[in-house]
């Protein structure tokens, strides 16, 4: 697939890096010489220094032969312009990064597809949605919903109180036959090794386990893992960034929200725009300020300033004050490996969230949703089974499925199903597959 990326900033570079691993034909455009030189020396891709809104630059990028153009510069106007021009010049699909979430909420009204923009993404809006989902599944450190919650993936670290620690997957299934979930991926404590569990796989204390479950099944997993569902009422947000603002806006209807912003003018502006949020002008790194604002009474602390280290350190302070749930926004992907060992519940990265959203346009076989599992070399892909797909009409146990992949569940007619060996996939089924990176191509072919 030929892909052009406009913008070599944090999101654009990260996307180019991920896509280059998959042997895609990538061209990266940026007006900044430093960004272009850095990308050119670190990635095996084609780079062009220039303004992506220039018709000459787009011609140089062979836009008429392009399958997908992704415009992720820092300028919303530039991204919209690039996509409109690219579509007129022959690009097959276009994706624009925007910051105004009103555009996403009113896509049909504004008619963006008629302009030539196939998809709008907002990393800030994606991050805010991720935070809200994590608060609603408060005992888990990772969560993702398919088809409005018909299937839900949750990740948790197993403690000795989990009733199936020391048992195999088969044994656990026999002991709890009435439960509606299945394990789809495991990472052993202290390793970077991801395994797709089979019947004889033993659950161990300290495992990071990802489960797929249907509606109502999340409560079953709470009981089974020995996790208590932490009721979240009071939330403190550090940082009035776009993500902080959007998160406060989304949460204020369901939670009591305090937002701390260092810049006075910005704090006043946010307070005027978000009347349900208590906005405090101050430095959230100041422990005395946090104590004055009753951090001890907070159920969740969310740090989304522009500085990863500030976010991590402030979450550690919050954890030391007995805050139940801490979430930190980080830019450095290497920090993901540290999150559980240093005591922060969840790290989020807007580059990864944006990449997850964009990746479904690159996958074959009608992928409609995907997510990467945090700090694991596995992906969750949701396919729509076509009449011509190899998987149609066969029992799951009879499929020539790679051992490094597993079917986590199926959504049929809006109903989530944990599909076991006797289940037959039909055309139109939405099938969620968890697979290691090495097996993705084979799985895609089976659904194409």
Protein backbone atom coordinates (compact mmCIF):
# COMPACT_ATOMS: atom_id res chain seq x y z
CA UNK A 1 0.00 0.00 0.00
CA UNK A 2 1.32 3.46 -0.92
CA UNK A 3 0.84 5.87 1.98
CA UNK A 4 1.71 9.58 2.21
CA UNK A 5 1.98 11.20 5.65
CA UNK A 6 1.92 14.99 5.91
CA UNK A 7 3.56 16.17 9.12
CA UNK A 8 6.67 14.65 10.71
CA UNK A 9 5.86 15.76 14.26
CA UNK A 10 5.29 13.30 17.12
CA UNK A 11 2.17 11.67 15.64
CA UNK A 12 3.42 11.63 12.03
CA UNK A 13 6.85 10.25 12.88
CA UNK A 14 5.38 7.57 15.13
CA UNK A 15 2.94 6.50 12.41
CA UNK A 16 5.70 6.41 9.80
CA UNK A 17 7.83 4.30 12.15
CA UNK A 18 5.04 1.77 12.80
CA UNK A 19 4.07 1.56 9.14
CA UNK A 20 7.67 1.19 7.97
CA UNK A 21 7.92 -1.96 10.10
CA UNK A 22 5.12 -3.41 7.97
CA UNK A 23 6.97 -2.81 4.69
CA UNK A 24 4.48 -0.24 3.47
CA UNK A 25 5.55 2.27 0.79
CA UNK A 26 5.77 5.42 2.94
CA UNK A 27 6.41 9.03 1.95
CA UNK A 28 6.72 11.58 4.76
CA UNK A 29 6.36 15.31 4.05
CA UNK A 30 7.29 18.14 6.42
CA UNK A 31 8.28 21.77 6.04
CA UNK A 32 10.75 21.60 8.96
CA UNK A 33 14.28 20.59 7.91
CA UNK A 34 15.16 19.14 11.34
CA UNK A 35 12.10 16.85 11.34
CA UNK A 36 12.81 15.64 7.80
CA UNK A 37 16.51 14.95 8.45
CA UNK A 38 15.69 13.07 11.68
CA UNK A 39 13.08 10.91 9.92
CA UNK A 40 15.41 10.31 6.98
CA UNK A 41 18.23 9.05 9.20
CA UNK A 42 16.05 6.93 11.51
CA UNK A 43 13.49 5.38 9.15
CA UNK A 44 13.63 3.44 5.89
CA UNK A 45 11.13 5.68 4.11
CA UNK A 46 11.06 8.43 1.48
CA UNK A 47 11.06 11.98 2.85
CA UNK A 48 10.20 15.26 1.17
CA UNK A 49 10.92 18.69 2.66
CA UNK A 50 8.18 21.07 1.67
CA UNK A 51 4.69 22.42 2.32
CA UNK A 52 2.14 19.60 1.95
CA UNK A 53 -0.46 22.12 0.74
CA UNK A 54 1.74 22.78 -2.31
CA UNK A 55 0.43 21.10 -5.45
CA UNK A 56 4.03 20.69 -6.69
CA UNK A 57 5.02 18.89 -3.47
CA UNK A 58 1.99 16.59 -3.69
CA UNK A 59 2.86 15.80 -7.31
CA UNK A 60 6.41 15.00 -6.20
CA UNK A 61 4.90 12.59 -3.64
CA UNK A 62 3.00 10.89 -6.52
CA UNK A 63 -0.30 11.65 -4.85
CA UNK A 64 -2.26 10.33 -7.86
CA UNK A 65 -0.92 6.82 -7.08
CA UNK A 66 -1.55 7.05 -3.33
CA UNK A 67 -3.87 4.62 -1.54
CA UNK A 68 -4.01 6.67 1.66
CA UNK A 69 -2.91 10.15 2.71
CA UNK A 70 -2.76 10.95 6.43
CA UNK A 71 -2.37 14.63 7.30
CA UNK A 72 -1.27 15.05 10.93
CA UNK A 73 0.51 18.41 11.04
CA UNK A 74 -0.02 20.69 14.06
CA UNK A 75 -2.35 22.87 11.97
CA UNK A 76 -5.96 21.75 11.62
CA UNK A 77 -6.46 24.05 8.62
CA UNK A 78 -3.41 22.62 6.87
CA UNK A 79 -4.62 19.06 7.41
CA UNK A 80 -8.06 19.77 5.98
CA UNK A 81 -6.54 21.59 2.98
CA UNK A 82 -4.04 18.79 2.29
CA UNK A 83 -6.77 16.14 2.28
CA UNK A 84 -9.08 18.15 0.02
CA UNK A 85 -6.25 18.78 -2.49
CA UNK A 86 -5.02 15.18 -2.33
CA UNK A 87 -8.49 13.79 -3.04
CA UNK A 88 -8.91 16.09 -6.03
CA UNK A 89 -5.52 14.96 -7.33
CA UNK A 90 -6.37 11.26 -7.17
CA UNK A 91 -5.63 9.97 -3.65
CA UNK A 92 -7.98 7.07 -2.84
CA UNK A 93 -8.51 7.72 0.91
CA UNK A 94 -7.80 10.69 3.17
CA UNK A 95 -7.50 11.13 6.95
CA UNK A 96 -7.15 14.53 8.63
CA UNK A 97 -6.04 15.21 12.19
CA UNK A 98 -8.14 17.94 13.79
CA UNK A 99 -8.31 19.55 17.22
CA UNK A 100 -11.85 20.96 17.09
CA UNK A 101 -13.94 18.03 18.33
CA UNK A 102 -17.11 19.74 17.08
CA UNK A 103 -16.05 18.67 13.59
CA UNK A 104 -16.08 15.00 14.63
CA UNK A 105 -19.43 15.33 16.43
CA UNK A 106 -21.02 17.01 13.39
CA UNK A 107 -19.34 15.29 10.44
CA UNK A 108 -22.57 14.68 8.55
CA UNK A 109 -23.75 18.27 9.02
CA UNK A 110 -20.47 19.75 7.78
CA UNK A 111 -20.25 17.29 4.87
CA UNK A 112 -16.54 16.56 5.14
CA UNK A 113 -16.80 13.51 2.88
CA UNK A 114 -18.16 15.74 0.14
CA UNK A 115 -15.07 17.92 0.48
CA UNK A 116 -12.88 14.86 0.05
CA UNK A 117 -12.06 13.97 3.68
CA UNK A 118 -12.90 10.35 4.50
CA UNK A 119 -12.03 10.39 8.19
CA UNK A 120 -11.33 12.92 10.93
CA UNK A 121 -9.29 11.98 13.98
CA UNK A 122 -8.49 13.92 17.12
CA UNK A 123 -5.75 12.41 19.32
CA UNK A 124 -6.96 14.64 22.16
CA UNK A 125 -10.54 13.40 21.82
CA UNK A 126 -9.33 9.78 21.63
CA UNK A 127 -7.28 10.26 24.81
CA UNK A 128 -10.24 11.79 26.66
CA UNK A 129 -12.48 8.88 25.59
CA UNK A 130 -9.82 6.40 26.74
CA UNK A 131 -9.62 8.10 30.15
CA UNK A 132 -13.41 7.98 30.61
CA UNK A 133 -13.49 4.27 29.74
CA UNK A 134 -10.65 3.56 32.18
CA UNK A 135 -12.51 5.34 34.98
CA UNK A 136 -15.64 3.33 34.28
CA UNK A 137 -13.60 0.09 34.44
CA UNK A 138 -11.68 1.41 37.42
CA UNK A 139 -10.02 -1.78 38.70
CA UNK A 140 -8.43 -2.52 35.33
CA UNK A 141 -5.34 -0.95 33.80
CA UNK A 142 -6.40 -1.27 30.16
CA UNK A 143 -9.79 -1.39 28.47
CA UNK A 144 -11.30 -1.26 24.97
CA UNK A 145 -14.88 -1.63 23.73
CA UNK A 146 -16.08 -3.19 20.46
CA UNK A 147 -19.50 -2.36 19.00
CA UNK A 148 -20.61 -0.07 21.85
CA UNK A 149 -19.69 -2.57 24.54
CA UNK A 150 -21.13 -5.74 22.98
CA UNK A 151 -17.61 -7.06 23.59
CA UNK A 152 -15.15 -5.49 26.02
CA UNK A 153 -11.45 -6.16 26.44
CA UNK A 154 -10.01 -5.53 29.91
CA UNK A 155 -6.46 -5.96 31.14
CA UNK A 156 -5.44 -6.57 34.73
CA UNK A 157 -2.47 -7.77 36.76
CA UNK A 158 -3.23 -10.98 38.68
CA UNK A 159 -2.72 -10.95 42.43
CA UNK A 160 -2.63 -13.99 44.72
CA UNK A 161 -6.31 -13.32 45.57
CA UNK A 162 -7.34 -14.29 42.01
CA UNK A 163 -9.16 -17.61 42.41
CA UNK A 164 -7.62 -19.22 39.31
CA UNK A 165 -3.92 -18.44 39.95
CA UNK A 166 -2.03 -21.73 39.65
CA UNK A 167 -4.73 -23.29 37.46
CA UNK A 168 -4.71 -23.88 33.71
CA UNK A 169 -7.16 -22.18 31.34
CA UNK A 170 -9.01 -25.53 30.96
CA UNK A 171 -9.24 -26.02 34.73
CA UNK A 172 -10.52 -22.48 35.23
CA UNK A 173 -13.16 -23.04 32.52
CA UNK A 174 -14.37 -26.23 34.27
CA UNK A 175 -14.55 -24.55 37.67
CA UNK A 176 -16.42 -21.51 36.33
CA UNK A 177 -18.47 -22.87 33.37
CA UNK A 178 -21.19 -20.25 33.75
CA UNK A 179 -18.83 -17.30 33.22
CA UNK A 180 -18.83 -15.33 29.97
CA UNK A 181 -15.25 -14.38 29.20
CA UNK A 182 -11.99 -15.79 27.89
CA UNK A 183 -8.30 -14.90 28.27
CA UNK A 184 -6.77 -13.68 25.00
CA UNK A 185 -3.20 -12.62 25.91
CA UNK A 186 -0.78 -12.95 28.83
CA UNK A 187 2.50 -11.27 29.68
CA UNK A 188 4.54 -12.92 32.41
CA UNK A 189 5.74 -10.66 35.21
CA UNK A 190 9.24 -9.30 34.63
CA UNK A 191 9.35 -10.30 30.95
CA UNK A 192 8.55 -8.69 27.61
CA UNK A 193 7.20 -12.03 26.30
CA UNK A 194 3.58 -12.09 25.13
CA UNK A 195 1.80 -15.42 24.80
CA UNK A 196 -1.60 -16.34 23.40
CA UNK A 197 -3.08 -18.66 26.06
CA UNK A 198 -4.12 -22.22 25.23
CA UNK A 199 -5.97 -24.78 27.33
CA UNK A 200 -2.85 -25.91 29.17
CA UNK A 201 -1.53 -22.40 29.89
CA UNK A 202 -1.15 -21.83 33.64
CA UNK A 203 -2.21 -18.51 35.20
CA UNK A 204 0.53 -17.17 37.51
CA UNK A 205 0.62 -14.45 40.15
CA UNK A 206 1.83 -11.18 38.61
CA UNK A 207 0.64 -12.06 35.08
CA UNK A 208 -0.73 -9.17 33.05
CA UNK A 209 -3.80 -10.85 31.55
CA UNK A 210 -6.18 -9.51 28.91
CA UNK A 211 -9.73 -10.88 28.91
CA UNK A 212 -12.52 -10.58 26.37
CA UNK A 213 -16.02 -10.48 27.83
CA UNK A 214 -19.62 -9.71 26.90
CA UNK A 215 -21.97 -7.20 28.53
CA UNK A 216 -22.27 -8.03 32.21
CA UNK A 217 -19.11 -10.11 32.13
CA UNK A 218 -16.93 -7.34 33.53
CA UNK A 219 -18.54 -7.83 36.96
CA UNK A 220 -17.71 -11.55 36.74
CA UNK A 221 -14.07 -10.75 36.07
CA UNK A 222 -14.02 -8.44 39.09
CA UNK A 223 -15.09 -11.36 41.30
CA UNK A 224 -12.81 -13.89 39.66
CA UNK A 225 -9.66 -11.76 39.83
CA UNK A 226 -10.34 -10.66 43.40
CA UNK A 227 -10.42 -7.02 42.31
CA UNK A 228 -12.78 -4.66 44.07
CA UNK A 229 -14.74 -2.32 41.84
CA UNK A 230 -13.57 1.09 42.94
CA UNK A 231 -16.35 3.63 42.88
CA UNK A 232 -15.09 6.81 41.28
CA UNK A 233 -16.81 10.05 42.29
CA UNK A 234 -14.12 12.70 42.78
CA UNK A 235 -11.62 13.31 40.00
CA UNK A 236 -8.65 15.68 39.90
CA UNK A 237 -7.12 16.62 36.55
CA UNK A 238 -3.67 18.16 36.32
CA UNK A 239 -3.23 20.32 33.24
CA UNK A 240 -5.63 22.41 31.19
CA UNK A 241 -4.29 21.13 27.87
CA UNK A 242 -6.67 20.17 25.06
CA UNK A 243 -6.82 16.68 26.56
CA UNK A 244 -7.37 18.07 30.08
CA UNK A 245 -10.13 20.37 28.85
CA UNK A 246 -11.88 17.65 26.81
CA UNK A 247 -11.58 15.16 29.69
CA UNK A 248 -13.07 17.62 32.18
CA UNK A 249 -15.86 18.45 29.76
CA UNK A 250 -16.72 14.76 29.25
CA UNK A 251 -16.44 13.76 32.92
CA UNK A 252 -18.18 16.70 34.58
CA UNK A 253 -21.66 15.34 33.89
CA UNK A 254 -20.92 12.09 35.81
CA UNK A 255 -18.15 12.98 38.28
CA UNK A 256 -17.12 15.83 40.58
CA UNK A 257 -14.16 17.28 38.73
CA UNK A 258 -11.33 19.58 39.84
CA UNK A 259 -8.86 20.83 37.24
CA UNK A 260 -5.52 22.45 38.14
CA UNK A 261 -3.98 24.79 35.58
CA UNK A 262 -0.74 26.71 36.07
CA UNK A 263 -1.40 29.58 33.63
CA UNK A 264 -3.82 32.11 35.10
CA UNK A 265 -5.44 33.28 31.85
CA UNK A 266 -6.00 29.74 30.65
CA UNK A 267 -7.46 28.75 34.04
CA UNK A 268 -9.93 31.65 33.89
CA UNK A 269 -10.91 30.78 30.32
CA UNK A 270 -11.52 27.10 31.19
CA UNK A 271 -13.55 28.08 34.27
CA UNK A 272 -15.81 30.25 32.10
CA UNK A 273 -16.30 27.49 29.52
CA UNK A 274 -16.78 24.60 31.99
CA UNK A 275 -19.14 25.80 34.74
CA UNK A 276 -19.51 22.28 36.20
CA UNK A 277 -15.75 21.96 36.75
CA UNK A 278 -13.93 23.55 39.68
CA UNK A 279 -10.83 25.13 38.14
CA UNK A 280 -7.84 25.97 40.35
CA UNK A 281 -5.03 28.27 39.23
CA UNK A 282 -1.81 26.81 40.64
CA UNK A 283 1.17 24.54 40.14
CA UNK A 284 0.03 20.92 40.47
CA UNK A 285 3.59 19.83 41.25
CA UNK A 286 3.26 21.62 44.59
CA UNK A 287 2.37 18.94 47.14
CA UNK A 288 1.02 21.55 49.56
CA UNK A 289 -1.42 22.79 46.91
CA UNK A 290 -2.60 19.23 46.27
CA UNK A 291 -3.16 18.71 49.98
CA UNK A 292 -5.02 22.02 50.28
CA UNK A 293 -7.29 20.84 47.47
CA UNK A 294 -8.02 17.62 49.39
CA UNK A 295 -6.16 15.17 47.21
CA UNK A 296 -6.79 12.60 49.97
CA UNK A 297 -10.49 12.69 49.04
CA UNK A 298 -9.88 12.08 45.33
CA UNK A 299 -10.82 8.75 43.79
CA UNK A 300 -8.88 9.37 40.58
CA UNK A 301 -5.97 11.59 39.58
CA UNK A 302 -5.32 12.26 35.88
CA UNK A 303 -2.11 14.05 34.84
CA UNK A 304 -2.21 15.40 31.28
CA UNK A 305 0.26 18.29 31.22
CA UNK A 306 2.64 18.62 28.27
CA UNK A 307 5.49 17.12 30.32
CA UNK A 308 5.63 13.32 30.71
CA UNK A 309 7.92 13.42 33.74
CA UNK A 310 5.64 15.89 35.54
CA UNK A 311 2.68 13.61 34.84
CA UNK A 312 4.46 10.53 36.15
CA UNK A 313 5.82 12.21 39.29
CA UNK A 314 2.49 13.86 40.17
CA UNK A 315 0.70 10.50 39.78
CA UNK A 316 3.22 8.93 42.15
CA UNK A 317 2.50 11.71 44.66
CA UNK A 318 -1.24 11.08 44.26
CA UNK A 319 -0.71 7.34 44.76
CA UNK A 320 1.21 8.08 47.99
CA UNK A 321 -1.86 10.02 49.16
CA UNK A 322 -4.03 6.89 48.70
CA UNK A 323 -5.73 7.94 45.46
CA UNK A 324 -7.37 4.79 44.03
CA UNK A 325 -6.77 5.36 40.31
CA UNK A 326 -3.92 7.23 38.61
CA UNK A 327 -3.59 7.90 34.88
CA UNK A 328 -0.62 9.68 33.30
CA UNK A 329 -0.23 10.98 29.75
CA UNK A 330 3.25 10.18 28.41
CA UNK A 331 4.96 10.86 25.09
CA UNK A 332 7.88 8.44 25.50
CA UNK A 333 6.79 4.91 24.56
CA UNK A 334 9.61 3.46 26.68
CA UNK A 335 7.79 4.59 29.83
CA UNK A 336 5.08 1.99 29.20
CA UNK A 337 7.40 -0.73 30.47
CA UNK A 338 7.76 1.11 33.77
CA UNK A 339 4.15 1.92 34.60
CA UNK A 340 3.22 -1.12 36.69
CA UNK A 341 6.62 -1.50 38.36
CA UNK A 342 6.62 2.11 39.59
CA UNK A 343 3.03 2.02 40.80
CA UNK A 344 1.02 4.06 38.27
CA UNK A 345 -2.20 2.36 37.23
CA UNK A 346 -2.29 3.38 33.58
CA UNK A 347 -0.19 5.29 31.08
CA UNK A 348 -1.80 6.61 27.90
CA UNK A 349 -0.13 7.85 24.76
CA UNK A 350 -2.01 9.88 22.18
CA UNK A 351 0.35 8.80 19.39
CA UNK A 352 -0.53 5.17 20.03
CA UNK A 353 -4.25 5.96 20.22
CA UNK A 354 -4.10 7.84 16.91
CA UNK A 355 -2.11 5.01 15.32
CA UNK A 356 -4.69 2.45 16.49
CA UNK A 357 -7.46 4.44 14.84
CA UNK A 358 -5.56 4.94 11.59
CA UNK A 359 -4.28 1.35 11.35
CA UNK A 360 -7.68 -0.08 10.49
CA UNK A 361 -7.43 1.69 7.11
CA UNK A 362 -4.21 -0.14 6.36
CA UNK A 363 -5.30 -3.63 7.39
CA UNK A 364 -6.82 -5.95 4.80
CA UNK A 365 -10.04 -7.95 5.07
CA UNK A 366 -12.53 -5.29 6.24
CA UNK A 367 -10.90 -4.47 9.57
CA UNK A 368 -13.32 -2.09 11.31
CA UNK A 369 -11.49 -1.58 14.59
CA UNK A 370 -8.13 -2.36 16.11
CA UNK A 371 -6.04 -1.64 19.15
CA UNK A 372 -2.54 -2.50 20.24
CA UNK A 373 -2.21 -4.00 23.71
CA UNK A 374 -0.12 -1.67 25.89
CA UNK A 375 3.53 -2.72 26.08
CA UNK A 376 2.82 -6.02 24.30
CA UNK A 377 3.58 -7.17 20.77
CA UNK A 378 -0.05 -8.16 20.13
CA UNK A 379 -2.98 -6.52 18.38
CA UNK A 380 -6.74 -6.84 18.62
CA UNK A 381 -8.40 -6.70 15.22
CA UNK A 382 -12.14 -6.66 14.47
CA UNK A 383 -13.02 -8.15 11.07
CA UNK A 384 -16.33 -8.29 9.25
CA UNK A 385 -16.57 -11.84 7.87
CA UNK A 386 -17.35 -11.74 4.13
CA UNK A 387 -19.19 -14.51 2.24
CA UNK A 388 -15.91 -15.30 0.45
CA UNK A 389 -13.82 -15.45 3.64
CA UNK A 390 -12.02 -18.69 4.36
CA UNK A 391 -13.51 -18.81 7.87
CA UNK A 392 -17.17 -18.98 6.78
CA UNK A 393 -19.19 -22.06 7.74
CA UNK A 394 -16.43 -23.84 9.62
CA UNK A 395 -16.22 -24.64 13.30
CA UNK A 396 -13.57 -22.53 14.98
CA UNK A 397 -11.69 -25.65 16.08
CA UNK A 398 -11.43 -26.76 12.42
CA UNK A 399 -9.91 -23.51 11.16
CA UNK A 400 -6.24 -23.50 10.19
CA UNK A 401 -5.69 -20.67 12.66
CA UNK A 402 -2.10 -19.81 13.68
CA UNK A 403 -1.21 -20.77 17.26
CA UNK A 404 -0.08 -17.20 17.86
CA UNK A 405 -3.64 -15.92 17.36
CA UNK A 406 -7.04 -16.56 18.94
CA UNK A 407 -10.64 -15.54 18.32
CA UNK A 408 -11.66 -13.54 21.38
CA UNK A 409 -15.33 -13.11 20.55
CA UNK A 410 -17.96 -12.46 17.90
CA UNK A 411 -20.64 -9.80 17.56
CA UNK A 412 -23.71 -11.12 15.70
CA UNK A 413 -26.78 -8.89 15.27
CA UNK A 414 -25.44 -6.56 17.95
CA UNK A 415 -25.02 -9.37 20.48
CA UNK A 416 -21.60 -10.20 21.92
CA UNK A 417 -20.69 -13.91 21.99
CA UNK A 418 -17.68 -15.68 23.50
CA UNK A 419 -17.13 -18.08 20.60
CA UNK A 420 -15.70 -21.46 21.57
CA UNK A 421 -14.56 -24.40 19.43
CA UNK A 422 -18.02 -25.48 18.19
CA UNK A 423 -19.01 -22.00 17.00
CA UNK A 424 -19.48 -21.52 13.23
CA UNK A 425 -18.73 -18.09 11.78
CA UNK A 426 -21.33 -16.68 9.38
CA UNK A 427 -21.11 -13.88 6.82
CA UNK A 428 -21.66 -10.52 8.50
CA UNK A 429 -20.27 -11.65 11.86
CA UNK A 430 -17.90 -9.15 13.45
CA UNK A 431 -15.01 -11.27 14.69
CA UNK A 432 -12.46 -9.97 17.20
CA UNK A 433 -9.07 -11.64 16.90
CA UNK A 434 -6.06 -11.23 19.21
CA UNK A 435 -2.81 -12.05 17.46
CA UNK A 436 0.92 -11.59 17.75
CA UNK A 437 2.48 -9.42 15.06
CA UNK A 438 4.00 -12.37 13.18
CA UNK A 439 0.58 -13.92 12.51
CA UNK A 440 -1.31 -10.81 11.37
CA UNK A 441 -0.79 -11.37 7.62
CA UNK A 442 -2.12 -14.95 7.77
CA UNK A 443 -5.16 -13.91 9.82
CA UNK A 444 -5.89 -11.06 7.40
CA UNK A 445 -5.84 -13.48 4.46
CA UNK A 446 -8.33 -15.76 6.22
CA UNK A 447 -10.83 -12.90 6.46
CA UNK A 448 -10.15 -11.28 3.06
